[in-house]
């Protein structure tokens, strides 16, 4: 059975694999076998082909790299209605990505999982927040949660640690009964 820490590490490695700045060291996972698993090499090849196809397809598109929108997110978050609106995702009405419901869910996962998160991932959270949040507030379209993508590995780690706590609490005790 794979440990959640390995899954988070593997996701982090895949995230950095196609990052344009190759100066990032790929962290060693404790106990990781030095041989590359076939799953990693196959999925890396598929990711590389898709990445190359997308780069070729959209290479000549007009438009700027960023759109300077100072204050757009600030005004978005100051409007209380935006905290409780929904959006249609594949025909299903769900809370927006940066709604009060989602923020409470993320805060709950962070409160439970933060202490169990490895120190390297806690450091990643702080670095990603320091880089991503100012860029998000300056350049992102109002309310676009996908612009916080540098925080996805951290969120995945927090969710994995919170799920471990939940699964351990729900597991039957050694005496055969349910735990309280």
Protein backbone atom coordinates (compact mmCIF):
# COMPACT_ATOMS: atom_id res chain seq x y z
CA UNK A 1 0.00 0.00 0.00
CA UNK A 2 1.34 3.45 -0.92
CA UNK A 3 1.83 5.95 1.85
CA UNK A 4 0.18 9.38 1.37
CA UNK A 5 3.58 11.05 1.66
CA UNK A 6 4.81 9.13 -1.41
CA UNK A 7 1.76 10.21 -3.42
CA UNK A 8 2.32 13.87 -2.48
CA UNK A 9 6.02 13.56 -3.37
CA UNK A 10 5.21 11.96 -6.74
CA UNK A 11 2.73 14.75 -7.53
CA UNK A 12 5.37 17.36 -6.59
CA UNK A 13 7.95 15.73 -8.87
CA UNK A 14 5.52 15.63 -11.78
CA UNK A 15 4.60 19.27 -11.17
CA UNK A 16 8.25 20.37 -11.32
CA UNK A 17 9.08 18.15 -14.28
CA UNK A 18 7.76 20.58 -16.90
CA UNK A 19 8.48 23.78 -15.01
CA UNK A 20 10.46 26.12 -17.29
CA UNK A 21 13.01 26.85 -14.55
CA UNK A 22 15.00 23.62 -14.17
CA UNK A 23 16.95 24.89 -11.16
CA UNK A 24 14.54 23.21 -8.72
CA UNK A 25 16.07 20.13 -7.13
CA UNK A 26 13.81 17.10 -7.11
CA UNK A 27 13.58 16.09 -3.46
CA UNK A 28 14.50 12.58 -2.44
CA UNK A 29 11.69 10.64 -0.83
CA UNK A 30 12.88 8.60 2.18
CA UNK A 31 12.80 4.93 1.36
CA UNK A 32 12.20 5.53 -2.35
CA UNK A 33 13.70 2.86 -4.58
CA UNK A 34 16.42 4.35 -6.78
CA UNK A 35 15.06 2.70 -9.94
CA UNK A 36 12.38 4.74 -11.74
CA UNK A 37 9.00 3.01 -11.52
CA UNK A 38 7.45 2.16 -14.91
CA UNK A 39 4.37 4.22 -14.00
CA UNK A 40 6.49 7.37 -13.62
CA UNK A 41 8.33 6.94 -16.92
CA UNK A 42 5.18 6.09 -18.90
CA UNK A 43 3.11 8.92 -17.45
CA UNK A 44 6.03 11.33 -17.88
CA UNK A 45 6.25 10.40 -21.57
CA UNK A 46 2.52 10.94 -22.04
CA UNK A 47 2.69 14.27 -20.15
CA UNK A 48 5.62 15.38 -22.28
CA UNK A 49 3.81 14.58 -25.54
CA UNK A 50 0.67 16.43 -24.43
CA UNK A 51 2.73 19.40 -23.23
CA UNK A 52 4.61 19.57 -26.54
CA UNK A 53 1.39 19.31 -28.57
CA UNK A 54 -0.19 22.16 -26.60
CA UNK A 55 2.89 24.35 -26.95
CA UNK A 56 2.94 23.81 -30.72
CA UNK A 57 -0.84 24.32 -31.11
CA UNK A 58 -1.01 27.63 -29.20
CA UNK A 59 2.44 29.04 -30.07
CA UNK A 60 1.16 31.74 -32.45
CA UNK A 61 -1.85 32.94 -30.46
CA UNK A 62 -2.09 36.71 -30.02
CA UNK A 63 -2.52 38.29 -26.63
CA UNK A 64 -0.48 39.27 -23.67
CA UNK A 65 0.99 37.03 -21.05
CA UNK A 66 -0.68 38.78 -18.13
CA UNK A 67 -3.44 41.26 -17.60
CA UNK A 68 -2.77 43.92 -15.00
CA UNK A 69 -5.91 44.09 -12.86
CA UNK A 70 -4.96 45.92 -9.68
CA UNK A 71 -7.74 45.79 -7.15
CA UNK A 72 -10.09 43.56 -9.18
CA UNK A 73 -9.72 40.72 -6.68
CA UNK A 74 -9.89 43.10 -3.72
CA UNK A 75 -13.25 44.48 -4.91
CA UNK A 76 -14.40 40.94 -5.68
CA UNK A 77 -13.73 39.76 -2.12
CA UNK A 78 -15.22 42.91 -0.53
CA UNK A 79 -18.59 42.11 -2.13
CA UNK A 80 -20.29 39.74 0.36
CA UNK A 81 -22.44 38.25 -2.39
CA UNK A 82 -19.40 36.72 -4.06
CA UNK A 83 -18.67 34.62 -0.96
CA UNK A 84 -21.98 32.75 -1.33
CA UNK A 85 -22.62 32.55 -5.08
CA UNK A 86 -22.65 29.28 -6.99
CA UNK A 87 -21.53 28.39 -10.50
CA UNK A 88 -22.53 25.67 -12.91
CA UNK A 89 -19.87 22.99 -13.21
CA UNK A 90 -20.85 20.38 -15.81
CA UNK A 91 -24.48 21.31 -15.23
CA UNK A 92 -24.32 20.99 -11.44
CA UNK A 93 -24.68 24.07 -9.23
CA UNK A 94 -21.70 24.11 -6.86
CA UNK A 95 -20.10 26.77 -4.65
CA UNK A 96 -17.51 28.91 -6.43
CA UNK A 97 -13.88 27.93 -5.93
CA UNK A 98 -13.20 30.90 -3.66
CA UNK A 99 -16.51 30.88 -1.79
CA UNK A 100 -17.03 30.82 1.97
CA UNK A 101 -17.96 27.12 1.80
CA UNK A 102 -14.72 26.16 0.05
CA UNK A 103 -12.62 28.39 2.31
CA UNK A 104 -14.12 26.70 5.39
CA UNK A 105 -13.40 23.26 3.92
CA UNK A 106 -9.79 24.21 3.18
CA UNK A 107 -9.40 25.77 6.65
CA UNK A 108 -10.74 22.56 8.24
CA UNK A 109 -8.33 20.37 6.27
CA UNK A 110 -5.47 22.73 7.14
CA UNK A 111 -6.33 22.74 10.85
CA UNK A 112 -6.36 18.94 10.98
CA UNK A 113 -3.52 18.17 8.58
CA UNK A 114 -1.01 20.97 9.25
CA UNK A 115 0.71 19.34 12.23
CA UNK A 116 1.13 16.05 10.37
CA UNK A 117 2.44 17.61 7.16
CA UNK A 118 6.19 17.07 6.66
CA UNK A 119 8.37 20.11 7.32
CA UNK A 120 9.37 20.38 3.64
CA UNK A 121 5.73 20.69 2.58
CA UNK A 122 5.00 23.22 5.34
CA UNK A 123 7.88 25.26 3.96
CA UNK A 124 6.43 24.83 0.45
CA UNK A 125 3.11 26.23 1.69
CA UNK A 126 4.76 29.40 3.02
CA UNK A 127 6.92 29.93 -0.07
CA UNK A 128 3.99 29.29 -2.43
CA UNK A 129 1.78 31.68 -0.45
CA UNK A 130 4.46 34.38 -0.50
CA UNK A 131 4.84 34.10 -4.28
CA UNK A 132 1.34 33.19 -5.42
CA UNK A 133 -0.92 35.47 -3.35
CA UNK A 134 0.61 38.83 -4.41
CA UNK A 135 0.60 37.70 -8.06
CA UNK A 136 -2.99 36.52 -7.64
CA UNK A 137 -4.09 39.86 -6.21
CA UNK A 138 -2.31 41.87 -8.93
CA UNK A 139 -2.80 39.91 -12.14
CA UNK A 140 -5.55 37.31 -11.75
CA UNK A 141 -9.09 37.68 -12.96
CA UNK A 142 -11.52 38.25 -10.12
CA UNK A 143 -12.36 35.07 -8.22
CA UNK A 144 -10.30 32.67 -10.35
CA UNK A 145 -9.22 29.91 -7.95
CA UNK A 146 -7.17 28.16 -10.63
CA UNK A 147 -4.63 30.99 -10.45
CA UNK A 148 -3.54 29.64 -7.06
CA UNK A 149 -2.14 26.51 -8.70
CA UNK A 150 1.22 26.68 -6.88
CA UNK A 151 -0.73 25.79 -3.75
CA UNK A 152 -2.24 22.60 -5.22
CA UNK A 153 0.54 20.27 -3.99
CA UNK A 154 0.19 21.78 -0.53
CA UNK A 155 -3.59 21.35 -0.60
CA UNK A 156 -3.15 17.75 -1.72
CA UNK A 157 -0.77 17.12 1.19
CA UNK A 158 -3.14 18.74 3.70
CA UNK A 159 -6.05 16.70 2.37
CA UNK A 160 -4.02 13.47 2.54
CA UNK A 161 -3.03 14.13 6.16
CA UNK A 162 -6.60 15.08 7.13
CA UNK A 163 -7.90 11.92 5.43
CA UNK A 164 -5.38 9.81 7.37
CA UNK A 165 -6.69 11.26 10.63
CA UNK A 166 -10.27 10.60 9.56
CA UNK A 167 -9.53 7.01 8.46
CA UNK A 168 -7.63 6.26 11.69
CA UNK A 169 -10.54 7.59 13.73
CA UNK A 170 -13.02 5.47 11.75
CA UNK A 171 -10.95 2.26 11.94
CA UNK A 172 -12.20 -0.45 14.30
CA UNK A 173 -10.30 -0.84 17.54
CA UNK A 174 -8.17 -3.98 18.14
CA UNK A 175 -10.90 -5.37 20.44
CA UNK A 176 -13.25 -5.58 17.45
CA UNK A 177 -15.60 -2.69 18.28
CA UNK A 178 -15.82 0.75 16.81
CA UNK A 179 -13.75 3.55 18.32
CA UNK A 180 -15.56 6.48 19.86
